[in-house]
Structure formats: C-alpha cells, structure tokens
Amino acid sequence: MSSKVSRREASSKFLGLVVNRNVFIPALAILILSITFTLLFQDQADHYFALAQDAVSTHGGWIYTLGANIFIIFCLYVAFSKFGGIRIGGANAKPEFSNWAWFSMLFSAGVGNGLVLFSIADPVRDFLNPPRLAGQDPTLIAQEAINFSFLHHGIHGWAIYSVVGLSLAYFTYNRKMPLTLRSAFYPVFGNRIYGWMGDLVDIMAVITTIFGLATTIGFGVGQINAGFTHVFGIPTALFYQIIIIVAITGIATLSAFSGVNKGVRYLVY
C-alpha cells in the first residue's frame, strides 16, 4: 500500500512538511478567497452566512438529529460485534498512553470550551427563545431545552468523533494507508482514493476543519476575554482578542508540531 501512496500522491515540501499539492493548493486558495471576501465585504458576508445558517438549521436539522443517532447505533454495533475485538495497530500492538492520559487528552481536545460554556448557555438560550415550543407550557420548554443540550453535548458528539477517529486509526495503523480522511473511503472508492476523488474528500476535510476550528476559536476567545475582564479588569476589545488568538494559535501550532507524545500530552497536563 505504501508503494501506491508514493507513486500516486503528488507530494511536495512546504515549510519542512510533506504536503499533497493537489489538496494543499486548492484548499489554501478557497480559504484565502473566503477570508478575503469576509474581510472586504463584512456586511454582505454576515448576511449570506446568516442565510446559510438559517437554511441549514431550518431544513437540515432533522438530518443532523437522525445522523447523530445513527452514529450512536453504529458505535454500539461495532463495540459489541466481532469488530469490537480488532486491536488498533495490529494484534500485538501495545497502548502508548494509559487510559487516564487518553481520556484526559480526548476530553480536553474533544469538548474544551464548548462544554464549559455552551452546555450551560444552550439550554438557557433555548428556554428563553424556544426553537419549537414558543408559547407552550414552560415545563415542556425547559425539558426540550435540556434534550437539545444532551444532543449537542452528550454522547452523540462523542459517537461522531469516535467513528471518524476509529476510521482514521484503523486504515492508517492496521491497513497502512495515509493518515487522511480519504483512507476511510477506501471500502467505497477503492484505489480511486489516490485520484481526484480522494483529493476532493481531503480538500473538503481541510476546509470544514479550518472553518470549524475558526468557529471554536472565535467563541473561545470571547470567553477568555470575558474571563480576563472579570478577573483582571482587561477590557473586552478586538485588540485584546487578536492577542489572545495569536497566543492560542502559537501554542496550538507548537503543540501540533511536537506531536501527541510531547506537545498535546504536555499541553493537557
């Protein structure tokens, strides 16, 4: 499998890293164009982003809810079927970290500021502005607000993380395939993952990951700035939020370059 990767992937060097230029260049171009459009046309960008969010939440909410429950069912099936006995890394593989270390890293990286802030803010928001039961019994509204909070911050999210993480881990460490999302589509596309189909999957993965991280950092920065304001009296202002963004990005970059064994583990502890 590694020989196929070396023959078929258009790899090159960028800042000392090996990148697939068929994925890196289009993804970088889309991100730069998106950021440029947002900065130059802030009002229009805000309008269209709001329209897109409203369309997704109005017409696609049922898909999200159904999909999240399907992920849970799939995880339970994998755990209690014959596939639950598969050891990541091979039959003789040994865990690199203790269960405590793994749970600490997963908890910190998987939920982070989302659980700290939004597990409380979400049900309060949905109670004050009910998405479906406006004008009905407050008890029913409160119960639905809690239900939505469980959907957003309970085992549903972990089921989604688990499927993506396990698929990457299995195809990388058991099937010796590239550590990219295209590898998870090998049962569907076969060797075509090394062509334009795989490139398209990875481009979408890069873009959605960056946009998702941008959203998380945006909320997290506001949360950190508010905390600094409350504790140290530092004003809540764009200047200080930019400094926080630079600091967080720098720490995260150093942690990622150092790898799981050093950077991520030390950062958690």
C-alpha atoms as a PDB file:
ATOM      1  CA  MET A   1       0.000   0.000   0.000  1.00  0.00           C
ATOM      2  CA  SER A   2       2.849   2.409   0.781  1.00  0.00           C
ATOM      3  CA  SER A   3       4.245   1.969  -2.746  1.00  0.00           C
ATOM      4  CA  LYS A   4       0.877   3.032  -4.170  1.00  0.00           C
ATOM      5  CA  VAL A   5       0.946   6.119  -1.995  1.00  0.00           C
ATOM      6  CA  SER A   6       4.462   7.073  -3.099  1.00  0.00           C
ATOM      7  CA  ARG A   7       3.585   6.613  -6.784  1.00  0.00           C
ATOM      8  CA  ARG A   8       0.180   8.247  -6.812  1.00  0.00           C
ATOM      9  CA  GLU A   9       0.263  11.130  -4.358  1.00  0.00           C
ATOM     10  CA  ALA A  10       1.684  14.406  -5.665  1.00  0.00           C
ATOM     11  CA  SER A  11       3.748  15.238  -2.590  1.00  0.00           C
ATOM     12  CA  SER A  12       5.998  18.248  -2.134  1.00  0.00           C
ATOM     13  CA  LYS A  13       7.670  20.221   0.655  1.00  0.00           C
ATOM     14  CA  PHE A  14       6.134  23.247   2.371  1.00  0.00           C
ATOM     15  CA  LEU A  15       7.792  24.788   5.448  1.00  0.00           C
ATOM     16  CA  GLY A  16       9.552  21.499   6.031  1.00  0.00           C
ATOM     17  CA  LEU A  17       6.332  19.481   5.846  1.00  0.00           C
ATOM     18  CA  VAL A  18       5.375  16.934   3.205  1.00  0.00           C
ATOM     19  CA  VAL A  19       2.076  18.024   1.652  1.00  0.00           C
ATOM     20  CA  ASN A  20      -0.093  16.795  -1.193  1.00  0.00           C
ATOM     21  CA  ARG A  21      -0.129  19.797  -3.538  1.00  0.00           C
ATOM     22  CA  ASN A  22      -3.337  18.588  -5.219  1.00  0.00           C
ATOM     23  CA  VAL A  23      -5.059  19.069  -1.857  1.00  0.00           C
ATOM     24  CA  PHE A  24      -2.989  21.835  -0.289  1.00  0.00           C
ATOM     25  CA  ILE A  25      -3.154  24.401  -3.109  1.00  0.00           C
ATOM     26  CA  PRO A  26      -6.944  24.232  -3.807  1.00  0.00           C
ATOM     27  CA  ALA A  27      -7.782  24.188  -0.080  1.00  0.00           C
ATOM     28  CA  LEU A  28      -5.460  27.137   0.598  1.00  0.00           C
ATOM     29  CA  ALA A  29      -6.933  29.070  -2.346  1.00  0.00           C
ATOM     30  CA  ILE A  30     -10.508  28.518  -1.148  1.00  0.00           C
ATOM     31  CA  LEU A  31      -9.610  29.561   2.394  1.00  0.00           C
ATOM     32  CA  ILE A  32      -7.801  32.720   1.232  1.00  0.00           C
ATOM     33  CA  LEU A  33     -10.692  33.697  -1.044  1.00  0.00           C
ATOM     34  CA  SER A  34     -13.224  33.072   1.737  1.00  0.00           C
ATOM     35  CA  ILE A  35     -11.258  35.123   4.269  1.00  0.00           C
ATOM     36  CA  THR A  36     -10.658  37.918   1.755  1.00  0.00           C
ATOM     37  CA  PHE A  37     -14.345  38.078   0.848  1.00  0.00           C
ATOM     38  CA  THR A  38     -15.316  38.149   4.518  1.00  0.00           C
ATOM     39  CA  LEU A  39     -12.880  40.945   5.362  1.00  0.00           C
ATOM     40  CA  LEU A  40     -13.655  43.113   2.329  1.00  0.00           C
ATOM     41  CA  PHE A  41     -17.414  42.648   2.366  1.00  0.00           C
ATOM     42  CA  GLN A  42     -18.247  42.142   6.024  1.00  0.00           C
ATOM     43  CA  ASP A  43     -21.902  43.169   5.825  1.00  0.00           C
ATOM     44  CA  GLN A  44     -22.597  41.003   2.769  1.00  0.00           C
ATOM     45  CA  ALA A  45     -20.691  38.079   4.292  1.00  0.00           C
ATOM     46  CA  ASP A  46     -22.658  38.381   7.525  1.00  0.00           C
ATOM     47  CA  HIS A  47     -25.910  38.428   5.522  1.00  0.00           C
ATOM     48  CA  TYR A  48     -25.105  35.357   3.434  1.00  0.00           C
ATOM     49  CA  PHE A  49     -23.654  33.412   6.345  1.00  0.00           C
ATOM     50  CA  ALA A  50     -26.836  34.106   8.299  1.00  0.00           C
ATOM     51  CA  LEU A  51     -28.939  32.932   5.344  1.00  0.00           C
ATOM     52  CA  ALA A  52     -26.885  29.741   5.038  1.00  0.00           C
ATOM     53  CA  GLN A  53     -27.106  29.047   8.767  1.00  0.00           C
ATOM     54  CA  ASP A  54     -30.841  29.625   8.781  1.00  0.00           C
ATOM     55  CA  ALA A  55     -31.339  27.348   5.768  1.00  0.00           C
ATOM     56  CA  VAL A  56     -29.288  24.548   7.308  1.00  0.00           C
ATOM     57  CA  SER A  57     -30.961  24.791  10.723  1.00  0.00           C
ATOM     58  CA  THR A  58     -34.467  25.089   9.251  1.00  0.00           C
ATOM     59  CA  HIS A  59     -34.293  22.405   6.570  1.00  0.00           C
ATOM     60  CA  GLY A  60     -31.407  20.209   7.720  1.00  0.00           C
ATOM     61  CA  GLY A  61     -31.955  19.908  11.453  1.00  0.00           C
ATOM     62  CA  TRP A  62     -33.710  16.567  11.079  1.00  0.00           C
ATOM     63  CA  ILE A  63     -30.745  15.193   9.112  1.00  0.00           C
ATOM     64  CA  TYR A  64     -28.368  16.225  11.901  1.00  0.00           C
ATOM     65  CA  THR A  65     -30.532  14.655  14.605  1.00  0.00           C
ATOM     66  CA  LEU A  66     -31.067  11.441  12.637  1.00  0.00           C
ATOM     67  CA  GLY A  67     -27.396  11.229  11.681  1.00  0.00           C
ATOM     68  CA  ALA A  68     -26.208  11.703  15.263  1.00  0.00           C
ATOM     69  CA  ASN A  69     -28.428   8.850  16.458  1.00  0.00           C
ATOM     70  CA  ILE A  70     -27.243   6.630  13.606  1.00  0.00           C
ATOM     71  CA  PHE A  71     -23.662   7.261  14.709  1.00  0.00           C
ATOM     72  CA  ILE A  72     -24.539   6.048  18.220  1.00  0.00           C
ATOM     73  CA  ILE A  73     -26.187   2.886  16.873  1.00  0.00           C
ATOM     74  CA  PHE A  74     -23.183   2.230  14.634  1.00  0.00           C
ATOM     75  CA  CYS A  75     -20.747   2.673  17.542  1.00  0.00           C
ATOM     76  CA  LEU A  76     -22.727   0.247  19.699  1.00  0.00           C
ATOM     77  CA  TYR A  77     -22.809  -2.265  16.848  1.00  0.00           C
ATOM     78  CA  VAL A  78     -19.049  -2.044  16.318  1.00  0.00           C
ATOM     79  CA  ALA A  79     -18.342  -2.279  20.058  1.00  0.00           C
ATOM     80  CA  PHE A  80     -20.455  -5.386  20.690  1.00  0.00           C
ATOM     81  CA  SER A  81     -19.964  -7.207  17.383  1.00  0.00           C
ATOM     82  CA  LYS A  82     -16.941  -9.168  16.200  1.00  0.00           C
ATOM     83  CA  PHE A  83     -15.347  -5.909  15.074  1.00  0.00           C
ATOM     84  CA  GLY A  84     -15.057  -4.796  18.693  1.00  0.00           C
ATOM     85  CA  GLY A  85     -12.144  -7.198  19.150  1.00  0.00           C
ATOM     86  CA  ILE A  86      -9.963  -5.562  16.494  1.00  0.00           C
ATOM     87  CA  ARG A  87      -6.862  -4.016  18.063  1.00  0.00           C
ATOM     88  CA  ILE A  88      -5.736  -0.744  16.544  1.00  0.00           C
ATOM     89  CA  GLY A  89      -2.172  -1.132  15.299  1.00  0.00           C
ATOM     90  CA  GLY A  90      -2.331  -4.901  14.905  1.00  0.00           C
ATOM     91  CA  ALA A  91      -2.773  -7.950  17.101  1.00  0.00           C
ATOM     92  CA  ASN A  92       0.453  -7.325  19.029  1.00  0.00           C
ATOM     93  CA  ALA A  93       0.155  -3.564  19.403  1.00  0.00           C
ATOM     94  CA  LYS A  94       0.585  -2.058  22.880  1.00  0.00           C
ATOM     95  CA  PRO A  95      -1.046   1.173  24.111  1.00  0.00           C
ATOM     96  CA  GLU A  96       1.320   4.146  24.021  1.00  0.00           C
ATOM     97  CA  PHE A  97      -0.613   6.013  26.729  1.00  0.00           C
ATOM     98  CA  SER A  98      -2.550   4.995  29.813  1.00  0.00           C
ATOM     99  CA  ASN A  99      -6.338   5.151  29.844  1.00  0.00           C
ATOM    100  CA  TRP A 100      -6.135   8.205  32.106  1.00  0.00           C
ATOM    101  CA  ALA A 101      -3.847  10.008  29.643  1.00  0.00           C
ATOM    102  CA  TRP A 102      -6.088   9.137  26.697  1.00  0.00           C
ATOM    103  CA  PHE A 103      -9.266  10.245  28.450  1.00  0.00           C
ATOM    104  CA  SER A 104      -7.586  13.482  29.530  1.00  0.00           C
ATOM    105  CA  MET A 105      -6.438  14.301  26.008  1.00  0.00           C
ATOM    106  CA  LEU A 106      -9.730  13.298  24.410  1.00  0.00           C
ATOM    107  CA  PHE A 107     -11.779  15.248  26.927  1.00  0.00           C
ATOM    108  CA  SER A 108      -9.655  18.390  26.625  1.00  0.00           C
ATOM    109  CA  ALA A 109      -9.423  18.320  22.840  1.00  0.00           C
ATOM    110  CA  GLY A 110     -12.906  16.981  22.171  1.00  0.00           C
ATOM    111  CA  VAL A 111     -15.109  19.267  24.223  1.00  0.00           C
ATOM    112  CA  GLY A 112     -12.946  22.084  25.598  1.00  0.00           C
ATOM    113  CA  ASN A 113     -14.645  25.451  25.856  1.00  0.00           C
ATOM    114  CA  GLY A 114     -17.805  24.084  24.203  1.00  0.00           C
ATOM    115  CA  LEU A 115     -18.718  22.066  27.281  1.00  0.00           C
ATOM    116  CA  VAL A 116     -17.589  24.729  29.736  1.00  0.00           C
ATOM    117  CA  LEU A 117     -19.721  27.475  28.197  1.00  0.00           C
ATOM    118  CA  PHE A 118     -22.380  26.114  25.874  1.00  0.00           C
ATOM    119  CA  SER A 119     -23.560  23.177  27.949  1.00  0.00           C
ATOM    120  CA  ILE A 120     -24.962  25.878  30.228  1.00  0.00           C
ATOM    121  CA  ALA A 121     -25.681  28.624  27.701  1.00  0.00           C
ATOM    122  CA  ASP A 122     -27.503  26.396  25.186  1.00  0.00           C
ATOM    123  CA  PRO A 123     -30.369  25.200  27.415  1.00  0.00           C
ATOM    124  CA  VAL A 124     -30.784  28.713  28.850  1.00  0.00           C
ATOM    125  CA  ARG A 125     -30.986  30.168  25.351  1.00  0.00           C
ATOM    126  CA  ASP A 126     -33.434  27.506  24.157  1.00  0.00           C
ATOM    127  CA  PHE A 127     -35.584  28.078  27.225  1.00  0.00           C
ATOM    128  CA  LEU A 128     -35.716  31.852  26.770  1.00  0.00           C
ATOM    129  CA  ASN A 129     -36.144  31.599  22.975  1.00  0.00           C
ATOM    130  CA  PRO A 130     -37.705  28.184  22.268  1.00  0.00           C
ATOM    131  CA  PRO A 131     -36.932  26.901  18.755  1.00  0.00           C
ATOM    132  CA  ARG A 132     -40.202  24.913  18.560  1.00  0.00           C
ATOM    133  CA  LEU A 133     -42.494  25.276  21.595  1.00  0.00           C
ATOM    134  CA  ALA A 134     -42.875  29.028  21.913  1.00  0.00           C
ATOM    135  CA  GLY A 135     -45.940  29.966  23.990  1.00  0.00           C
ATOM    136  CA  GLN A 136     -46.446  26.487  25.464  1.00  0.00           C
ATOM    137  CA  ASP A 137     -46.024  25.112  28.975  1.00  0.00           C
ATOM    138  CA  PRO A 138     -42.687  26.345  30.441  1.00  0.00           C
ATOM    139  CA  THR A 139     -42.056  22.859  31.831  1.00  0.00           C
ATOM    140  CA  LEU A 140     -42.184  21.373  28.329  1.00  0.00           C
ATOM    141  CA  ILE A 141     -39.956  24.155  27.022  1.00  0.00           C
ATOM    142  CA  ALA A 142     -37.392  23.518  29.773  1.00  0.00           C
ATOM    143  CA  GLN A 143     -37.420  19.759  29.078  1.00  0.00           C
ATOM    144  CA  GLU A 144     -36.862  20.284  25.363  1.00  0.00           C
ATOM    145  CA  ALA A 145     -34.050  22.735  26.092  1.00  0.00           C
ATOM    146  CA  ILE A 146     -32.336  20.043  28.177  1.00  0.00           C
ATOM    147  CA  ASN A 147     -32.969  17.470  25.428  1.00  0.00           C
ATOM    148  CA  PHE A 148     -31.240  19.668  22.871  1.00  0.00           C
ATOM    149  CA  SER A 149     -28.355  20.192  25.281  1.00  0.00           C
ATOM    150  CA  PHE A 150     -27.924  16.423  25.630  1.00  0.00           C
ATOM    151  CA  LEU A 151     -27.942  16.140  21.836  1.00  0.00           C
ATOM    152  CA  HIS A 152     -25.257  18.806  21.471  1.00  0.00           C
ATOM    153  CA  HIS A 153     -23.041  17.950  24.428  1.00  0.00           C
ATOM    154  CA  GLY A 154     -23.819  14.331  25.333  1.00  0.00           C
ATOM    155  CA  ILE A 155     -22.766  11.015  23.841  1.00  0.00           C
ATOM    156  CA  HIS A 156     -23.987  11.983  20.359  1.00  0.00           C
ATOM    157  CA  GLY A 157     -20.952  14.163  19.730  1.00  0.00           C
ATOM    158  CA  TRP A 158     -18.611  11.531  21.082  1.00  0.00           C
ATOM    159  CA  ALA A 159     -20.148   8.938  18.766  1.00  0.00           C
ATOM    160  CA  ILE A 160     -19.401  11.166  15.775  1.00  0.00           C
ATOM    161  CA  TYR A 161     -15.827  11.754  16.989  1.00  0.00           C
ATOM    162  CA  SER A 162     -15.377   8.029  17.562  1.00  0.00           C
ATOM    163  CA  VAL A 163     -16.406   6.997  14.060  1.00  0.00           C
ATOM    164  CA  VAL A 164     -14.050   9.493  12.422  1.00  0.00           C
ATOM    165  CA  GLY A 165     -11.191   8.729  14.817  1.00  0.00           C
ATOM    166  CA  LEU A 166     -11.555   4.963  14.553  1.00  0.00           C
ATOM    167  CA  SER A 167     -11.782   5.030  10.758  1.00  0.00           C
ATOM    168  CA  LEU A 168      -8.591   7.083  10.518  1.00  0.00           C
ATOM    169  CA  ALA A 169      -6.809   4.915  13.095  1.00  0.00           C
ATOM    170  CA  TYR A 170      -7.865   1.602  11.547  1.00  0.00           C
ATOM    171  CA  PHE A 171      -6.954   2.396   7.950  1.00  0.00           C
ATOM    172  CA  THR A 172      -3.709   4.085   8.991  1.00  0.00           C
ATOM    173  CA  TYR A 173      -2.321   1.694  11.580  1.00  0.00           C
ATOM    174  CA  ASN A 174      -3.948  -1.569  10.529  1.00  0.00           C
ATOM    175  CA  ARG A 175      -4.183  -1.145   6.754  1.00  0.00           C
ATOM    176  CA  LYS A 176      -1.050   1.031   6.431  1.00  0.00           C
ATOM    177  CA  MET A 177      -2.791   3.740   4.432  1.00  0.00           C
ATOM    178  CA  PRO A 178      -2.304   7.542   4.530  1.00  0.00           C
ATOM    179  CA  LEU A 179      -3.442   9.357   7.672  1.00  0.00           C
ATOM    180  CA  THR A 180      -6.034  11.359   5.740  1.00  0.00           C
ATOM    181  CA  LEU A 181      -9.790  11.197   5.544  1.00  0.00           C
ATOM    182  CA  ARG A 182      -9.671   9.713   2.042  1.00  0.00           C
ATOM    183  CA  SER A 183      -8.455   6.440   3.516  1.00  0.00           C
ATOM    184  CA  ALA A 184     -11.776   5.977   5.323  1.00  0.00           C
ATOM    185  CA  PHE A 185     -13.482   5.904   1.916  1.00  0.00           C
ATOM    186  CA  TYR A 186     -11.365   3.022   0.595  1.00  0.00           C
ATOM    187  CA  PRO A 187     -14.200   0.472   1.019  1.00  0.00           C
ATOM    188  CA  VAL A 188     -16.377   2.748  -1.151  1.00  0.00           C
ATOM    189  CA  PHE A 189     -13.960   4.118  -3.773  1.00  0.00           C
ATOM    190  CA  GLY A 190     -11.207   1.502  -3.705  1.00  0.00           C
ATOM    191  CA  ASN A 191      -7.901   2.610  -5.258  1.00  0.00           C
ATOM    192  CA  ARG A 192      -9.669   5.651  -6.690  1.00  0.00           C
ATOM    193  CA  ILE A 193      -8.996   7.398  -3.375  1.00  0.00           C
ATOM    194  CA  TYR A 194      -5.499   8.041  -4.753  1.00  0.00           C
ATOM    195  CA  GLY A 195      -7.003  10.096  -7.591  1.00  0.00           C
ATOM    196  CA  TRP A 196      -9.242  13.138  -7.831  1.00  0.00           C
ATOM    197  CA  MET A 197     -11.952  11.550  -5.669  1.00  0.00           C
ATOM    198  CA  GLY A 198      -9.579  11.237  -2.751  1.00  0.00           C
ATOM    199  CA  ASP A 199      -8.247  14.734  -3.353  1.00  0.00           C
ATOM    200  CA  LEU A 200     -11.795  16.111  -3.238  1.00  0.00           C
ATOM    201  CA  VAL A 201     -12.505  14.316   0.042  1.00  0.00           C
ATOM    202  CA  ASP A 202      -9.341  15.709   1.621  1.00  0.00           C
ATOM    203  CA  ILE A 203      -9.986  19.237   0.326  1.00  0.00           C
ATOM    204  CA  MET A 204     -13.454  19.201   1.888  1.00  0.00           C
ATOM    205  CA  ALA A 205     -11.990  17.783   5.111  1.00  0.00           C
ATOM    206  CA  VAL A 206      -9.374  20.554   5.328  1.00  0.00           C
ATOM    207  CA  ILE A 207     -11.858  23.347   4.627  1.00  0.00           C
ATOM    208  CA  THR A 208     -14.548  22.124   7.031  1.00  0.00           C
ATOM    209  CA  THR A 209     -11.937  21.508   9.743  1.00  0.00           C
ATOM    210  CA  ILE A 210     -10.485  25.010   9.409  1.00  0.00           C
ATOM    211  CA  PHE A 211     -13.931  26.625   9.414  1.00  0.00           C
ATOM    212  CA  GLY A 212     -14.946  24.549  12.432  1.00  0.00           C
ATOM    213  CA  LEU A 213     -11.782  25.486  14.308  1.00  0.00           C
ATOM    214  CA  ALA A 214     -12.309  29.143  13.413  1.00  0.00           C
ATOM    215  CA  THR A 215     -15.780  28.996  14.959  1.00  0.00           C
ATOM    216  CA  THR A 216     -14.492  27.289  18.090  1.00  0.00           C
ATOM    217  CA  ILE A 217     -11.618  29.748  18.474  1.00  0.00           C
ATOM    218  CA  GLY A 218     -13.977  32.672  17.902  1.00  0.00           C
ATOM    219  CA  PHE A 219     -16.279  31.593  20.708  1.00  0.00           C
ATOM    220  CA  GLY A 220     -13.367  30.594  22.914  1.00  0.00           C
ATOM    221  CA  VAL A 221     -11.598  33.916  22.508  1.00  0.00           C
ATOM    222  CA  GLY A 222     -14.697  35.825  23.558  1.00  0.00           C
ATOM    223  CA  GLN A 223     -14.996  33.542  26.560  1.00  0.00           C
ATOM    224  CA  ILE A 224     -11.340  34.027  27.548  1.00  0.00           C
ATOM    225  CA  ASN A 225     -11.541  37.790  27.074  1.00  0.00           C
ATOM    226  CA  ALA A 226     -14.646  37.939  29.263  1.00  0.00           C
ATOM    227  CA  GLY A 227     -12.818  35.937  31.916  1.00  0.00           C
ATOM    228  CA  PHE A 228      -9.843  38.318  31.811  1.00  0.00           C
ATOM    229  CA  THR A 229     -12.255  41.230  32.098  1.00  0.00           C
ATOM    230  CA  HIS A 230     -13.912  39.716  35.163  1.00  0.00           C
ATOM    231  CA  VAL A 231     -10.679  38.673  36.911  1.00  0.00           C
ATOM    232  CA  PHE A 232      -8.093  41.248  35.816  1.00  0.00           C
ATOM    233  CA  GLY A 233     -10.196  44.114  34.507  1.00  0.00           C
ATOM    234  CA  ILE A 234      -8.790  43.817  30.975  1.00  0.00           C
ATOM    235  CA  PRO A 235     -11.282  45.487  28.572  1.00  0.00           C
ATOM    236  CA  THR A 236     -13.335  43.361  26.188  1.00  0.00           C
ATOM    237  CA  ALA A 237     -11.981  44.695  22.908  1.00  0.00           C
ATOM    238  CA  LEU A 238     -10.862  43.490  19.479  1.00  0.00           C
ATOM    239  CA  PHE A 239      -7.215  44.365  20.197  1.00  0.00           C
ATOM    240  CA  TYR A 240      -7.003  42.031  23.177  1.00  0.00           C
ATOM    241  CA  GLN A 241      -8.935  39.319  21.351  1.00  0.00           C
ATOM    242  CA  ILE A 242      -6.401  39.428  18.487  1.00  0.00           C
ATOM    243  CA  ILE A 243      -3.597  38.996  21.037  1.00  0.00           C
ATOM    244  CA  ILE A 244      -5.432  36.004  22.523  1.00  0.00           C
ATOM    245  CA  ILE A 245      -5.923  34.487  19.058  1.00  0.00           C
ATOM    246  CA  VAL A 246      -2.214  34.859  18.249  1.00  0.00           C
ATOM    247  CA  ALA A 247      -1.224  33.306  21.584  1.00  0.00           C
ATOM    248  CA  ILE A 248      -3.642  30.368  21.241  1.00  0.00           C
ATOM    249  CA  THR A 249      -2.629  29.746  17.628  1.00  0.00           C
ATOM    250  CA  GLY A 250       1.049  29.806  18.547  1.00  0.00           C
ATOM    251  CA  ILE A 251       0.627  27.362  21.436  1.00  0.00           C
ATOM    252  CA  ALA A 252      -1.561  25.039  19.354  1.00  0.00           C
ATOM    253  CA  THR A 253       0.904  25.130  16.441  1.00  0.00           C
ATOM    254  CA  LEU A 254       3.869  24.286  18.649  1.00  0.00           C
ATOM    255  CA  SER A 255       1.840  21.525  20.288  1.00  0.00           C
ATOM    256  CA  ALA A 256       0.822  20.043  16.931  1.00  0.00           C
ATOM    257  CA  PHE A 257       4.378  20.154  15.567  1.00  0.00           C
ATOM    258  CA  SER A 258       5.644  18.444  18.722  1.00  0.00           C
ATOM    259  CA  GLY A 259       3.239  15.528  18.228  1.00  0.00           C
ATOM    260  CA  VAL A 260       0.881  13.739  20.581  1.00  0.00           C
ATOM    261  CA  ASN A 261       3.586  12.303  22.811  1.00  0.00           C
ATOM    262  CA  LYS A 262       5.109  15.701  23.627  1.00  0.00           C
ATOM    263  CA  GLY A 263       3.060  18.733  22.693  1.00  0.00           C
ATOM    264  CA  VAL A 264      -0.527  17.569  23.117  1.00  0.00           C
ATOM    265  CA  ARG A 265       0.161  15.477  26.211  1.00  0.00           C
ATOM    266  CA  TYR A 266       2.164  18.234  27.946  1.00  0.00           C
ATOM    267  CA  LEU A 267      -0.430  20.832  26.970  1.00  0.00           C
ATOM    268  CA  VAL A 268      -3.226  18.799  28.575  1.00  0.00           C
ATOM    269  CA  TYR A 269      -1.330  18.200  31.784  1.00  0.00           C
END
